[in-house]
Amino acid sequence: MSAIEETGLTTEQQEWLDGLREMADWFEQHPERIEQLGDRGIIVNLYPDGKGDTAQLARELGKVTKEQNSSLFWIRRGFGPHKIDGVLSRGEVCTRVVTGTRQVPEKIVPAYEEEIIEWECVEPLLASVKS
């Protein structure tokens, strides 16, 4: 019996899960690198196929929060410091309603000098790294 038949996972799905486990194992071997993660959490973004799929994802995730900004809507479940987000365009789950208008004043940006930058990397960073 193949691994796919035993687990029900495709080869690609199994490789993805194995990669997560390998990454966790690596961080266990190098715990000082966890300090370099910033907020220390990993966010996995899923892109559900519309409202129905988003509702299904919410049921699968269990306790979720809903968040949004001006263009995106997402549901989120935390796993310790890590998160899974189901992200959609707000237009896929909300109806845009114009409730009025307002005048936006003209903004003139004063002229200023801007640097033109090129990067020169003299010493190759990975030259001393052995595979």
Protein backbone atom coordinates (compact mmCIF):
# COMPACT_ATOMS: atom_id res chain seq x y z
CA MET A 1 0.00 0.00 0.00
CA SER A 2 1.41 3.43 -0.95
CA ALA A 3 1.79 6.35 1.44
CA ILE A 4 -1.01 8.15 -0.41
CA GLU A 5 -3.37 5.22 0.13
CA GLU A 6 -2.40 4.99 3.82
CA THR A 7 -2.79 8.66 4.68
CA GLY A 8 -5.16 9.94 2.00
CA LEU A 9 -2.64 12.71 1.25
CA THR A 10 -1.13 13.49 -2.11
CA THR A 11 2.65 13.49 -2.42
CA GLU A 12 2.60 17.30 -2.53
CA GLN A 13 0.46 17.51 0.63
CA GLN A 14 2.74 15.07 2.46
CA GLU A 15 5.85 17.02 1.39
CA TRP A 16 4.26 20.25 2.67
CA LEU A 17 3.53 18.70 6.08
CA ASP A 18 6.97 17.10 6.24
CA GLY A 19 8.50 20.50 5.49
CA LEU A 20 6.66 22.06 8.44
CA ARG A 21 7.89 19.30 10.72
CA GLU A 22 11.46 19.70 9.43
CA MET A 23 11.27 23.44 10.07
CA ALA A 24 10.03 22.87 13.64
CA ASP A 25 12.83 20.35 14.19
CA TRP A 26 15.39 22.88 12.89
CA PHE A 27 14.09 25.55 15.28
CA GLU A 28 14.36 23.05 18.15
CA GLN A 29 18.03 22.62 17.21
CA HIS A 30 18.54 26.41 16.90
CA PRO A 31 16.24 27.99 19.54
CA GLU A 32 18.22 31.24 19.47
CA ARG A 33 16.83 31.83 15.95
CA ILE A 34 13.29 31.98 17.37
CA GLU A 35 14.28 35.32 18.89
CA GLN A 36 14.88 36.61 15.35
CA LEU A 37 11.30 35.95 14.22
CA GLY A 38 10.06 39.34 15.38
CA ASP A 39 6.57 38.67 16.67
CA ARG A 40 7.56 35.00 16.82
CA GLY A 41 4.49 33.78 14.96
CA ILE A 42 4.09 32.21 11.56
CA ILE A 43 0.99 33.11 9.56
CA VAL A 44 -0.34 30.67 6.97
CA ASN A 45 -2.69 32.35 4.50
CA LEU A 46 -5.42 30.25 2.93
CA TYR A 47 -7.54 31.65 0.10
CA PRO A 48 -11.04 30.11 0.34
CA ASP A 49 -13.24 29.97 -2.74
CA GLY A 50 -15.98 32.45 -1.80
CA LYS A 51 -18.43 32.75 1.08
CA GLY A 52 -19.44 29.10 1.27
CA ASP A 53 -15.89 27.83 1.40
CA THR A 54 -15.02 30.49 3.99
CA ALA A 55 -17.92 29.34 6.18
CA GLN A 56 -16.69 25.73 5.82
CA LEU A 57 -13.14 26.79 6.74
CA ALA A 58 -14.48 28.60 9.82
CA ARG A 59 -16.26 25.40 10.92
CA GLU A 60 -13.08 23.37 10.36
CA LEU A 61 -10.92 25.84 12.29
CA GLY A 62 -13.32 26.10 15.21
CA LYS A 63 -13.01 29.30 17.21
CA VAL A 64 -12.11 32.09 14.77
CA THR A 65 -12.04 35.85 14.84
CA LYS A 66 -13.11 38.04 11.93
CA GLU A 67 -10.94 40.94 10.83
CA GLN A 68 -10.86 43.34 7.91
CA ASN A 69 -9.19 46.32 6.39
CA SER A 70 -10.29 48.57 3.54
CA SER A 71 -9.90 45.85 0.90
CA LEU A 72 -9.57 42.45 2.62
CA PHE A 73 -11.63 40.29 4.98
CA TRP A 74 -10.16 37.36 6.88
CA ILE A 75 -11.02 34.82 9.51
CA ARG A 76 -8.23 33.86 11.89
CA ARG A 77 -7.46 31.05 14.27
CA GLY A 78 -4.48 31.20 16.56
CA PHE A 79 -2.30 28.24 17.46
CA GLY A 80 -0.15 29.69 20.21
CA PRO A 81 1.81 32.47 18.48
CA HIS A 82 0.98 31.07 15.02
CA LYS A 83 -2.09 31.80 12.92
CA ILE A 84 -4.08 30.42 10.03
CA ASP A 85 -5.92 33.13 8.08
CA GLY A 86 -8.63 32.58 5.51
CA VAL A 87 -8.29 35.69 3.32
CA LEU A 88 -10.76 37.08 0.79
CA SER A 89 -11.48 40.32 -0.96
CA ARG A 90 -14.07 42.22 1.10
CA GLY A 91 -16.25 42.31 -1.99
CA GLU A 92 -16.58 38.51 -1.85
CA VAL A 93 -18.24 38.58 1.58
CA CYS A 94 -19.59 42.11 1.95
CA THR A 95 -21.72 44.43 -0.12
CA ARG A 96 -20.13 47.80 -0.87
CA VAL A 97 -22.60 50.57 -0.05
CA VAL A 98 -21.92 54.23 -0.85
CA THR A 99 -23.47 56.19 2.00
CA GLY A 100 -22.41 59.67 0.84
CA THR A 101 -19.53 61.66 -0.57
CA ARG A 102 -17.02 64.15 0.78
CA GLN A 103 -14.63 66.65 -0.74
CA VAL A 104 -10.98 65.70 -0.55
CA PRO A 105 -8.67 68.71 -0.58
CA GLU A 106 -5.89 68.88 -3.11
CA LYS A 107 -2.53 67.84 -1.70
CA ILE A 108 0.57 69.36 -3.21
CA VAL A 109 3.82 67.74 -2.20
CA PRO A 110 6.67 70.23 -2.04
CA ALA A 111 9.67 69.47 -4.20
CA TYR A 112 12.43 67.60 -2.43
CA GLU A 113 15.66 65.86 -3.23
CA GLU A 114 15.54 62.08 -3.43
CA GLU A 115 18.56 59.79 -3.30
CA ILE A 116 19.24 57.46 -6.20
CA ILE A 117 20.61 54.27 -4.73
CA GLU A 118 22.45 51.25 -6.08
CA TRP A 119 23.68 48.41 -3.91
CA GLU A 120 27.16 47.02 -4.35
CA CYS A 121 27.84 43.77 -2.56
CA VAL A 122 31.58 43.30 -2.82
CA GLU A 123 31.92 40.14 -0.77
CA PRO A 124 29.43 37.41 -1.72
CA LEU A 125 27.51 36.49 1.43
CA LEU A 126 27.06 32.82 0.62
CA ALA A 127 30.55 32.17 -0.79
CA SER A 128 31.73 30.61 2.48
CA VAL A 129 28.62 28.48 3.02
CA LYS A 130 29.08 24.80 2.25
CA SER A 131 26.00 22.83 1.23
